[in-house]
Protein backbone atom coordinates (compact mmCIF):
# COMPACT_ATOMS: atom_id res chain seq x y z
CA MET A 1 13.21 -9.41 -33.39
CA SER A 2 13.61 -5.72 -32.52
CA GLU A 3 13.97 -4.58 -28.93
CA ARG A 4 10.51 -3.01 -28.98
CA ALA A 5 8.91 -6.16 -30.41
CA LEU A 6 10.72 -8.28 -27.82
CA ILE A 7 9.39 -6.07 -25.02
CA PHE A 8 5.83 -6.30 -26.32
CA PHE A 9 6.14 -10.07 -26.71
CA GLY A 10 7.35 -10.42 -23.12
CA ILE A 11 4.55 -8.21 -21.84
CA GLY A 12 2.01 -10.26 -23.81
CA VAL A 13 3.24 -13.50 -22.28
CA TYR A 14 3.19 -11.95 -18.80
CA ILE A 15 -0.38 -10.67 -19.19
CA VAL A 16 -1.65 -14.02 -20.46
CA ALA A 17 -0.03 -15.74 -17.47
CA MET A 18 -1.71 -13.35 -15.01
CA LEU A 19 -5.12 -13.86 -16.61
CA ALA A 20 -4.65 -17.64 -16.55
CA ILE A 21 -3.87 -17.52 -12.83
CA ALA A 22 -6.98 -15.39 -12.27
CA TYR A 23 -9.09 -17.97 -14.08
CA PHE A 24 -7.61 -20.75 -11.94
CA ALA A 25 -8.27 -18.71 -8.77
CA SER A 26 -11.87 -18.00 -9.82
CA ARG A 27 -12.64 -21.70 -9.43
CA ARG A 28 -11.93 -21.33 -5.70
CA THR A 29 -13.98 -18.13 -5.36
CA ARG A 30 -17.60 -18.99 -4.68
CA THR A 31 -18.43 -16.86 -1.62
CA VAL A 32 -17.80 -13.36 -0.33
CA SER A 33 -15.35 -14.82 2.17
CA ASP A 34 -13.43 -16.50 -0.66
CA PHE A 35 -13.33 -13.27 -2.66
CA ILE A 36 -12.36 -10.87 0.15
CA VAL A 37 -10.24 -12.98 2.54
CA ALA A 38 -9.45 -16.17 0.55
CA GLY A 39 -11.64 -18.22 2.86
CA ARG A 40 -9.20 -17.38 5.72
CA SER A 41 -6.92 -20.20 4.57
CA MET A 42 -3.72 -18.60 3.21
CA PRO A 43 -0.48 -20.22 4.47
CA LEU A 44 2.55 -18.34 5.78
CA TRP A 45 4.53 -18.34 2.53
CA LEU A 46 1.63 -16.93 0.53
CA CYS A 47 0.71 -14.32 3.17
CA THR A 48 4.32 -13.13 3.29
CA THR A 49 4.84 -12.89 -0.46
CA THR A 50 1.54 -11.11 -1.07
CA LEU A 51 2.34 -8.60 1.69
CA ILE A 52 5.74 -7.81 0.17
CA ALA A 53 4.27 -7.55 -3.31
CA THR A 54 1.41 -5.35 -2.10
CA TRP A 55 3.81 -2.89 -0.49
CA PHE A 56 6.43 -3.12 -3.22
CA GLY A 57 4.79 -1.37 -6.14
CA GLY A 58 5.45 1.13 -8.86
CA GLY A 59 5.57 3.89 -6.29
CA MET A 60 8.69 2.36 -4.80
CA MET A 61 10.21 1.21 -8.08
CA MET A 62 9.66 4.40 -10.07
CA GLY A 63 8.97 7.05 -7.43
CA GLY A 64 11.42 5.79 -4.81
CA SER A 65 14.32 5.50 -7.21
CA GLY A 66 13.55 8.98 -8.54
CA ALA A 67 13.38 10.46 -5.04
CA ALA A 68 16.70 8.82 -4.12
CA TYR A 69 18.20 10.16 -7.37
CA GLU A 70 17.28 13.72 -6.34
CA SER A 71 17.66 13.67 -2.54
CA GLY A 72 19.46 10.51 -1.39
CA LEU A 73 18.07 8.61 1.59
CA LEU A 74 16.28 11.68 2.95
CA GLY A 75 14.07 11.57 -0.12
CA VAL A 76 12.80 8.07 0.69
CA ILE A 77 12.07 8.27 4.41
CA ALA A 78 8.35 7.70 3.80
CA ASP A 79 8.96 4.69 1.60
CA PRO A 80 10.72 2.32 2.20
CA PHE A 81 11.61 3.27 5.80
CA GLY A 82 8.19 4.44 6.96
CA ALA A 83 6.49 1.65 5.04
CA THR A 84 8.70 -0.97 6.72
CA LEU A 85 7.91 0.53 10.11
CA CYS A 86 4.22 0.18 9.30
CA LEU A 87 4.56 -3.55 8.64
CA VAL A 88 6.30 -4.05 11.98
CA LEU A 89 3.70 -1.99 13.88
CA VAL A 90 0.76 -3.88 12.38
CA GLY A 91 2.39 -7.21 13.18
CA LEU A 92 3.27 -6.15 16.72
CA PHE A 93 0.18 -4.28 17.87
CA PHE A 94 -2.85 -5.00 15.71
CA ILE A 95 -3.06 -8.07 13.51
CA ARG A 96 -3.50 -10.82 16.13
CA LEU A 97 -6.64 -9.25 17.58
CA LEU A 98 -8.03 -8.26 14.20
CA ARG A 99 -7.56 -11.78 12.84
CA ARG A 100 -9.35 -13.40 15.76
CA LEU A 101 -12.31 -10.99 15.36
CA LYS A 102 -13.03 -12.63 11.96
CA PHE A 103 -13.83 -9.36 10.21
CA TYR A 104 -13.60 -8.79 6.46
CA THR A 105 -12.29 -5.23 6.67
CA HIS A 106 -10.77 -2.84 9.20
CA VAL A 107 -13.93 -0.72 8.74
CA ASP A 108 -15.90 -3.60 10.31
CA PHE A 109 -13.90 -2.85 13.46
CA LEU A 110 -14.76 0.87 13.30
CA GLN A 111 -18.43 0.02 12.80
CA GLN A 112 -18.54 -2.35 15.74
CA ARG A 113 -16.52 -0.09 18.06
CA TYR A 114 -17.84 3.36 17.17
CA GLY A 115 -20.92 3.08 14.96
CA THR A 116 -22.04 4.06 11.49
CA THR A 117 -20.57 7.56 11.21
CA ALA A 118 -17.05 6.39 11.97
CA ALA A 119 -17.51 3.48 9.56
CA VAL A 120 -18.59 5.81 6.74
CA VAL A 121 -15.56 8.05 7.28
CA GLY A 122 -13.32 5.00 7.46
CA SER A 123 -14.79 3.66 4.22
CA LEU A 124 -14.29 6.99 2.42
CA ALA A 125 -10.73 7.27 3.71
CA GLN A 126 -9.95 3.77 2.46
CA ILE A 127 -11.51 4.42 -0.94
CA TRP A 128 -9.67 7.74 -1.25
CA GLY A 129 -6.31 6.24 -0.32
CA SER A 130 -6.66 3.11 -2.43
CA THR A 131 -7.84 5.00 -5.51
CA PHE A 132 -4.92 7.43 -5.36
CA TRP A 133 -2.60 4.47 -4.81
CA VAL A 134 -3.92 2.74 -7.93
CA ALA A 135 -3.63 6.01 -9.86
CA SER A 136 0.04 6.33 -8.91
CA MET A 137 0.64 2.75 -10.08
CA LEU A 138 -1.03 3.47 -13.41
CA VAL A 139 1.11 6.57 -13.91
CA ALA A 140 4.17 4.39 -13.33
CA PHE A 141 2.79 1.85 -15.81
CA GLY A 142 2.34 4.57 -18.42
CA LEU A 143 5.82 6.01 -17.81
CA ILE A 144 7.41 2.62 -18.43
CA PHE A 145 5.66 2.18 -21.76
CA GLN A 146 6.42 5.72 -22.79
CA THR A 147 10.12 5.46 -21.90
CA LEU A 148 10.80 2.03 -23.37
CA THR A 149 8.53 1.85 -26.40
CA GLY A 150 7.44 5.39 -27.19
CA THR A 151 3.82 4.43 -26.49
CA PRO A 152 1.76 7.44 -25.33
CA LEU A 153 1.37 7.75 -21.57
CA VAL A 154 -2.42 7.56 -21.84
CA THR A 155 -2.25 4.22 -23.66
CA GLY A 156 -0.08 2.71 -20.95
CA ILE A 157 -2.37 3.97 -18.17
CA VAL A 158 -5.55 2.63 -19.76
CA GLY A 159 -3.98 -0.67 -20.83
CA GLY A 160 -2.50 -1.34 -17.42
CA ALA A 161 -5.81 -0.58 -15.71
CA LEU A 162 -7.69 -2.96 -17.99
CA VAL A 163 -5.44 -5.93 -17.19
CA VAL A 164 -5.43 -5.36 -13.43
CA VAL A 165 -9.19 -4.83 -13.28
CA VAL A 166 -9.95 -8.03 -15.21
CA TYR A 167 -7.89 -10.46 -13.13
CA THR A 168 -8.83 -8.83 -9.81
CA ALA A 169 -12.56 -8.88 -10.56
CA VAL A 170 -12.40 -12.49 -11.76
CA GLY A 171 -10.46 -14.10 -8.92
CA GLY A 172 -10.56 -11.83 -5.86
CA MET A 173 -8.05 -12.38 -3.07
CA TRP A 174 -6.93 -15.78 -4.35
CA ALA A 175 -6.07 -14.29 -7.75
CA VAL A 176 -4.36 -11.30 -6.18
CA ALA A 177 -2.28 -13.41 -3.76
CA LEU A 178 -1.21 -16.00 -6.34
CA THR A 179 -0.29 -13.39 -8.95
CA ASP A 180 1.55 -11.46 -6.22
CA MET A 181 3.70 -14.51 -5.53
CA ILE A 182 4.71 -14.79 -9.20
CA GLN A 183 5.17 -11.04 -9.49
CA ILE A 184 7.54 -10.68 -6.53
CA VAL A 185 9.80 -13.41 -7.99
CA ILE A 186 9.93 -11.54 -11.29
CA VAL A 187 10.61 -8.25 -9.48
CA ALA A 188 13.49 -9.76 -7.51
CA LEU A 189 15.03 -11.27 -10.63
CA GLY A 190 14.79 -8.07 -12.65
CA LEU A 191 16.15 -5.81 -9.91
CA VAL A 192 19.11 -8.02 -9.07
CA ILE A 193 20.08 -8.32 -12.74
CA LEU A 194 19.94 -4.56 -13.24
CA LEU A 195 21.85 -3.75 -10.04
CA VAL A 196 24.68 -6.17 -10.81
CA VAL A 197 25.09 -4.92 -14.38
CA VAL A 198 24.87 -1.22 -13.48
CA LEU A 199 27.38 -1.57 -10.66
CA HIS A 200 29.77 -3.45 -12.92
CA ASP A 201 29.51 -0.83 -15.67
CA ALA A 202 30.01 1.97 -13.14
CA GLY A 203 33.31 0.46 -11.94
CA GLY A 204 31.97 -0.94 -8.66
CA TRP A 205 30.50 0.66 -5.59
CA GLY A 206 33.78 2.26 -4.55
CA ALA A 207 33.93 4.28 -7.77
CA VAL A 208 30.35 5.47 -7.29
CA ALA A 209 30.66 6.28 -3.58
CA ALA A 210 33.71 8.47 -4.18
CA ARG A 211 31.60 10.81 -6.34
CA LEU A 212 28.52 11.03 -4.13
CA PRO A 213 27.71 14.16 -2.08
CA GLU A 214 28.47 13.79 1.61
CA GLN A 215 24.80 14.07 2.63
CA THR A 216 23.58 11.28 0.32
CA PHE A 217 23.15 8.77 3.15
CA ARG A 218 22.01 11.24 5.78
CA LEU A 219 18.82 10.11 7.59
CA VAL A 220 18.00 13.33 9.47
CA PRO A 221 17.51 16.87 8.13
CA LEU A 222 20.67 18.78 7.32
CA GLU A 223 19.18 22.12 8.40
CA HIS A 224 17.51 22.07 11.81
CA SER A 225 14.59 24.40 11.08
CA LEU A 226 11.03 23.79 12.28
CA ASP A 227 9.75 23.39 8.72
CA ASN A 228 12.39 20.78 7.89
CA TRP A 229 11.66 18.73 10.98
CA LEU A 230 7.90 18.89 10.43
CA ASP A 231 8.37 17.66 6.87
CA TYR A 232 10.67 14.94 8.16
CA LEU A 233 8.13 13.73 10.75
CA ARG A 234 5.42 13.84 8.10
CA ALA A 235 7.53 11.55 5.91
CA TRP A 236 7.67 8.94 8.68
CA PHE A 237 4.00 9.30 9.62
CA ILE A 238 2.45 9.31 6.15
CA PHE A 239 3.18 5.59 5.74
CA GLY A 240 4.50 4.55 9.13
CA LEU A 241 1.30 5.45 10.96
CA ALA A 242 -1.37 6.26 8.36
CA ASP A 243 -1.29 2.81 6.82
CA ILE A 244 -1.67 0.80 10.01
CA ALA A 245 -5.35 1.14 9.11
CA SER A 246 -4.81 0.19 5.47
CA GLN A 247 -7.24 -2.42 4.18
CA SER A 248 -4.66 -3.57 1.63
CA LEU A 249 -2.36 -4.68 4.45
CA ILE A 250 -4.87 -5.81 7.04
CA GLN A 251 -6.76 -7.85 4.45
CA ARG A 252 -3.73 -10.13 4.13
CA GLY A 253 -3.69 -10.76 7.86
CA LEU A 254 -7.44 -11.43 7.84
CA SER A 255 -6.86 -13.95 5.05
CA ALA A 256 -4.24 -15.88 7.01
CA ARG A 257 -4.89 -19.46 8.10
CA THR A 258 -4.31 -18.55 11.76
CA GLU A 259 -3.44 -15.44 13.75
CA GLY A 260 0.04 -16.86 14.28
CA VAL A 261 0.47 -17.00 10.51
CA ALA A 262 -0.81 -13.43 10.26
CA GLN A 263 1.67 -12.14 12.84
CA ALA A 264 4.70 -13.93 11.41
CA SER A 265 3.90 -12.89 7.85
CA PHE A 266 4.11 -9.19 8.76
CA TYR A 267 7.54 -9.56 10.34
CA LEU A 268 8.91 -11.61 7.45
CA ALA A 269 7.37 -9.17 4.98
CA ALA A 270 9.03 -6.21 6.73
CA LEU A 271 12.43 -7.89 6.37
CA GLY A 272 11.77 -8.83 2.75
CA TYR A 273 10.38 -5.44 1.85
CA ILE A 274 13.26 -3.33 3.13
CA SER A 275 15.70 -5.71 1.43
CA PHE A 276 13.98 -5.44 -1.95
CA ALA A 277 13.21 -1.73 -1.66
CA MET A 278 16.81 -0.72 -1.10
CA ILE A 279 17.70 -1.99 -4.59
CA PRO A 280 15.78 0.70 -6.54
CA VAL A 281 16.93 3.26 -3.96
CA THR A 282 20.54 2.21 -4.58
CA LEU A 283 20.02 2.33 -8.34
CA GLY A 284 18.66 5.86 -8.03
CA ILE A 285 21.73 6.91 -6.03
CA ILE A 286 24.09 5.30 -8.54
CA ALA A 287 22.31 7.03 -11.42
CA SER A 288 22.72 10.42 -9.74
CA VAL A 289 26.43 9.94 -10.46
CA THR A 290 26.37 8.11 -13.79
CA LEU A 291 23.40 9.95 -15.37
CA PRO A 292 23.33 13.45 -13.84
CA GLY A 293 20.79 16.04 -14.97
CA LEU A 294 18.05 13.59 -15.95
CA GLU A 295 14.90 15.51 -16.89
CA ASP A 296 12.47 13.04 -15.34
CA PRO A 297 14.07 11.22 -12.37
CA GLU A 298 11.05 8.91 -11.99
CA SER A 299 11.96 7.28 -15.31
CA ILE A 300 15.44 6.38 -14.05
CA LEU A 301 14.93 2.59 -13.91
CA PRO A 302 13.75 2.21 -17.51
CA VAL A 303 16.56 4.54 -18.61
CA LEU A 304 19.13 2.42 -16.77
CA ALA A 305 17.68 -0.73 -18.33
CA ILE A 306 18.02 0.72 -21.83
CA GLU A 307 21.55 1.99 -21.13
CA HIS A 308 22.96 -1.18 -19.56
CA LEU A 309 20.96 -4.30 -20.45
CA HIS A 310 20.76 -6.58 -23.48
CA PRO A 311 17.33 -6.35 -25.21
CA ALA A 312 16.33 -9.76 -23.83
CA ALA A 313 17.25 -8.63 -20.32
CA VAL A 314 15.35 -5.37 -20.89
CA ALA A 315 12.25 -7.45 -21.60
CA VAL A 316 12.76 -9.31 -18.29
CA PHE A 317 13.19 -6.05 -16.44
CA VAL A 318 10.08 -4.54 -18.00
CA GLY A 319 8.24 -7.58 -16.70
CA ALA A 320 9.65 -6.85 -13.25
CA LEU A 321 8.44 -3.25 -13.38
CA LEU A 322 4.98 -4.27 -14.52
CA ALA A 323 4.85 -6.99 -11.87
CA ALA A 324 5.64 -4.49 -9.12
CA ILE A 325 2.98 -2.12 -10.38
CA MET A 326 0.24 -4.71 -10.77
CA SER A 327 0.94 -6.33 -7.40
CA SER A 328 0.10 -3.06 -5.65
CA ALA A 329 -2.69 -1.89 -7.94
CA ASP A 330 -4.68 -5.11 -7.65
CA SER A 331 -4.48 -5.03 -3.85
CA ALA A 332 -5.74 -1.45 -3.66
CA LEU A 333 -8.63 -2.15 -6.04
CA LEU A 334 -9.64 -5.20 -4.01
CA ALA A 335 -9.44 -3.18 -0.78
CA SER A 336 -11.86 -0.51 -2.00
CA ALA A 337 -14.25 -3.06 -3.47
CA SER A 338 -14.23 -5.04 -0.21
CA VAL A 339 -15.15 -1.97 1.82
CA VAL A 340 -18.03 -1.13 -0.52
CA SER A 341 -19.50 -4.64 -0.32
CA SER A 342 -18.85 -5.30 3.36
CA ASN A 343 -19.49 -1.87 4.86
CA LEU A 344 -21.36 0.50 2.53
CA LEU A 345 -23.78 -1.94 0.89
CA PRO A 346 -25.48 -2.91 4.22
CA MET A 347 -26.17 0.80 4.85
CA VAL A 348 -28.37 1.02 1.75
CA HIS A 349 -29.65 -2.57 1.59
CA ARG A 350 -30.38 -4.25 4.91
CA ASP A 351 -29.01 -7.79 5.21
CA PRO A 352 -27.82 -8.19 1.60
CA SER A 353 -27.71 -11.74 0.32
CA GLU A 354 -24.45 -13.58 -0.35
CA ARG A 355 -25.15 -13.37 -4.08
CA LEU A 356 -25.73 -9.59 -4.02
CA SER A 357 -22.64 -8.95 -1.87
CA LEU A 358 -20.46 -10.99 -4.22
CA LEU A 359 -21.94 -9.22 -7.26
CA VAL A 360 -21.28 -5.79 -5.74
CA VAL A 361 -17.68 -6.55 -4.75
CA ARG A 362 -16.92 -7.84 -8.25
CA TRP A 363 -18.39 -4.83 -10.05
CA ALA A 364 -16.87 -2.35 -7.63
CA VAL A 365 -13.42 -3.36 -8.95
CA PRO A 366 -13.92 -1.92 -12.48
CA ALA A 367 -15.73 1.10 -11.05
CA PHE A 368 -12.74 2.08 -8.95
CA GLY A 369 -10.40 1.16 -11.77
CA LEU A 370 -12.11 3.74 -13.98
CA LEU A 371 -11.90 6.37 -11.24
CA ALA A 372 -8.18 5.66 -10.78
CA VAL A 373 -7.61 6.07 -14.53
CA LEU A 374 -9.25 9.52 -14.43
CA ILE A 375 -7.00 10.57 -11.52
CA ALA A 376 -3.90 9.12 -13.20
CA LEU A 377 -4.53 11.11 -16.38
CA ASN A 378 -4.34 14.30 -14.33
CA ALA A 379 -1.57 13.32 -11.90
CA ARG A 380 1.68 12.63 -13.74
CA VAL A 381 4.00 12.27 -10.70
CA VAL A 382 4.18 8.81 -9.13
CA TYR A 383 5.67 9.39 -5.66
CA ASP A 384 3.62 12.46 -4.75
CA THR A 385 0.37 10.87 -5.95
CA MET A 386 1.11 7.81 -3.82
CA LEU A 387 1.71 9.92 -0.71
CA ASP A 388 -1.40 12.06 -1.29
CA GLY A 389 -3.56 8.98 -0.97
CA SER A 390 -2.54 8.38 2.66
CA MET A 391 -3.38 11.82 4.01
CA LEU A 392 -7.06 11.29 4.77
CA ALA A 393 -6.41 8.08 6.71
CA LEU A 394 -3.69 9.77 8.78
CA VAL A 395 -5.82 12.72 9.89
CA ALA A 396 -9.14 10.93 10.41
CA ILE A 397 -8.75 7.20 11.02
CA THR A 398 -5.35 6.31 12.47
CA VAL A 399 -6.01 7.60 16.00
CA PRO A 400 -9.52 6.11 16.50
CA PHE A 401 -8.37 2.83 14.99
CA ALA A 402 -5.24 2.46 17.14
CA LEU A 403 -6.79 3.66 20.39
CA GLY A 404 -9.91 1.61 19.76
CA ILE A 405 -7.84 -1.54 19.93
CA TRP A 406 -5.64 -0.63 22.89
CA TRP A 407 -7.70 1.74 25.03
CA LYS A 408 -10.68 0.16 26.81
CA ARG A 409 -12.23 3.59 27.44
CA ALA A 410 -12.28 4.53 23.75
CA ASN A 411 -15.84 5.52 22.86
CA ARG A 412 -17.93 6.87 20.02
CA ALA A 413 -17.82 10.51 21.18
CA GLY A 414 -14.05 10.51 21.43
CA ALA A 415 -13.65 8.86 18.04
CA LEU A 416 -15.98 11.32 16.30
CA ALA A 417 -14.20 14.23 17.99
CA ALA A 418 -10.88 12.87 16.75
CA ILE A 419 -12.22 12.52 13.21
CA ALA A 420 -13.70 16.03 13.19
CA ALA A 421 -10.62 17.67 14.72
CA GLY A 422 -8.28 15.94 12.31
CA LEU A 423 -10.28 16.80 9.22
CA LEU A 424 -10.93 20.42 10.22
CA THR A 425 -7.28 21.03 11.09
CA TRP A 426 -6.14 19.47 7.82
CA PHE A 427 -8.55 21.52 5.73
CA GLY A 428 -7.80 24.68 7.68
CA ALA A 429 -4.05 24.29 7.36
CA SER A 430 -4.37 23.53 3.64
CA LEU A 431 -6.28 26.80 3.10
CA LEU A 432 -4.55 29.13 5.55
CA ALA A 433 -0.99 27.77 5.71
CA PRO A 434 -0.37 25.52 2.69
CA ALA A 435 3.38 25.52 3.31
CA TRP A 436 2.82 23.64 6.60
CA PRO A 437 2.25 19.84 6.71
CA GLY A 438 -1.51 19.93 7.19
CA ASP A 439 -1.85 16.17 7.45
CA LEU A 440 0.69 16.00 10.29
CA LEU A 441 -1.08 18.83 12.13
CA GLY A 442 -4.40 17.06 11.53
CA PHE A 443 -3.01 13.86 13.06
CA ALA A 444 -1.85 15.76 16.15
CA ALA A 445 -5.24 17.47 16.50
CA SER A 446 -7.00 14.12 16.15
CA LEU A 447 -4.90 12.57 18.91
CA VAL A 448 -5.41 15.50 21.30
CA ALA A 449 -9.16 15.60 20.68
CA MET A 450 -9.65 11.90 21.41
CA LEU A 451 -7.49 12.00 24.54
CA LEU A 452 -9.49 14.97 25.86
CA VAL A 453 -13.04 14.08 24.85
CA THR A 454 -13.00 10.36 25.67
CA PRO A 455 -12.58 10.69 29.49
CA LEU A 456 -15.16 13.50 29.62
CA THR A 457 -17.89 11.49 27.90
CA GLN A 458 -17.66 8.12 29.61
CA ARG A 459 -21.03 8.43 31.38
CA LEU A 460 -22.89 9.98 28.45
CA ASP A 461 -21.42 7.54 25.93
CA PRO A 462 -20.08 4.36 27.56
CA PRO A 463 -17.60 2.36 25.46
CA ARG A 464 -19.11 -0.43 23.40
CA PRO A 465 -17.89 -3.94 24.26
CA LEU A 466 -15.84 -5.35 21.40
CA VAL A 467 -17.27 -8.51 19.83
CA ASP A 468 -16.20 -10.59 16.85
CA LYS A 469 -18.11 -11.14 13.60
CA ASP A 470 -20.18 -13.89 15.25
CA GLY A 471 -21.15 -11.67 18.20
CA CYS A 472 -18.85 -13.36 20.73
CA PRO A 473 -16.87 -11.16 23.18
CA ALA A 474 -13.36 -10.39 22.02
CA VAL A 475 -10.48 -12.20 23.69
CA PHE A 476 -7.73 -9.72 24.55
CA SER A 477 -5.07 -12.08 25.91
CA ASP A 478 -1.91 -12.65 23.83
CA ARG A 479 -2.79 -9.93 21.33
CA LEU A 480 0.69 -8.39 21.29
CA GLY A 481 2.71 -9.88 18.47
CA THR A 482 5.58 -11.22 20.59
CA LEU A 483 4.88 -14.95 20.47
CA GLY A 484 7.65 -15.69 17.99
CA LEU A 485 7.66 -17.28 14.56
CA ARG A 486 6.96 -20.73 16.05
CA SER A 487 3.39 -19.51 16.70
CA ALA A 488 2.87 -19.28 12.93
CA GLY A 489 1.42 -22.76 12.94
CA ARG A 490 -1.19 -21.98 15.59
């Protein structure tokens, strides 16, 4: 069997396995709660693995290794370092309270705290971010096929979208979580095999390190100019802060069996994620020495696989790449579909039935899959496309979301002022000073606006009391995630 045929055979087996898992999961998916939050019954091991797999996608595998190839660790501040920070922050400050509120989405919180306008903006920000995220995964999918088999990029993008859409729409959160568990095992196996072989062929780490530029492992800007430091802060914020209000992440915590499980899973996922993510980063750094002058750095992992692995091992590694991509793409599709069903549908159809809500959330998955394909066909760079998706959340939603949970005085007027200031500053900077990090400036403007407007409007617009999905007052005690892993069972 030729190498190409072996790769296609392995991919075929992998796809059949994912679809079989989706069919199995569909038997447990009878209600909207089952579809969106797995009936709030996921155990610690499944919550942790699905969180790691959700965060560890093609953007990290393809884009992260390419960024490390070109710029060393400074090129990957946003991901994995900022992304790991985000997991810790959500576990520490947000997930315990959100889990006990029994919501389906983080937009439910915005709706309850600030009203319809904030919820609409939050929904659009989530849809924007998730769709761009899926698009970046599909670009990575297409690049793999193109590099390893000569298949046109378009074919890989469309084929990858079709598979992810089918199993996500069929099984919902149960299908996504169970396939994530299988996928992260495959990812770990493929990455470890490639790293060991590449290091051995390169003569060991000592031989590689001796040829690396001195600034390869630098974690702060080399030149201390204002522009460099603003770009550096943006790299930390674009994932580290923007995605604390990411439905893809929060949905895992909302699906946990208890809030203790939710908290512990974020900490364990942060540890697991940074451990896994440093492997493609390391491979990118090694390749900068062993394969200098590569035309497309984002294809570095498939190139390394072809250069160093036996055809059978290449097939395993291709499976790892596809697993990483699908594990993120399915989560983002489910996140957008959940927001449409839970938050936008009730705005156009009062008190939708369980049947209608479930129908809408299922059909929203292929709708957003198609939109992501259209974006992917016009955005051929993985890492940049992935980062672009987080900008709207950073400038409009992060501040109202975070302060809404921790500031009792947070009110509707302050939240809307923060949203407006962030968006206007972002748009203005993009038009008038495109060289400046408009999303970072928008975040700063959003924070200042909410801190100024909220105290001035307390009498005109008193803060709404926070209640859970059943209308009961929120319990604020023990909401900081410091209770230790032993609380995972409670």
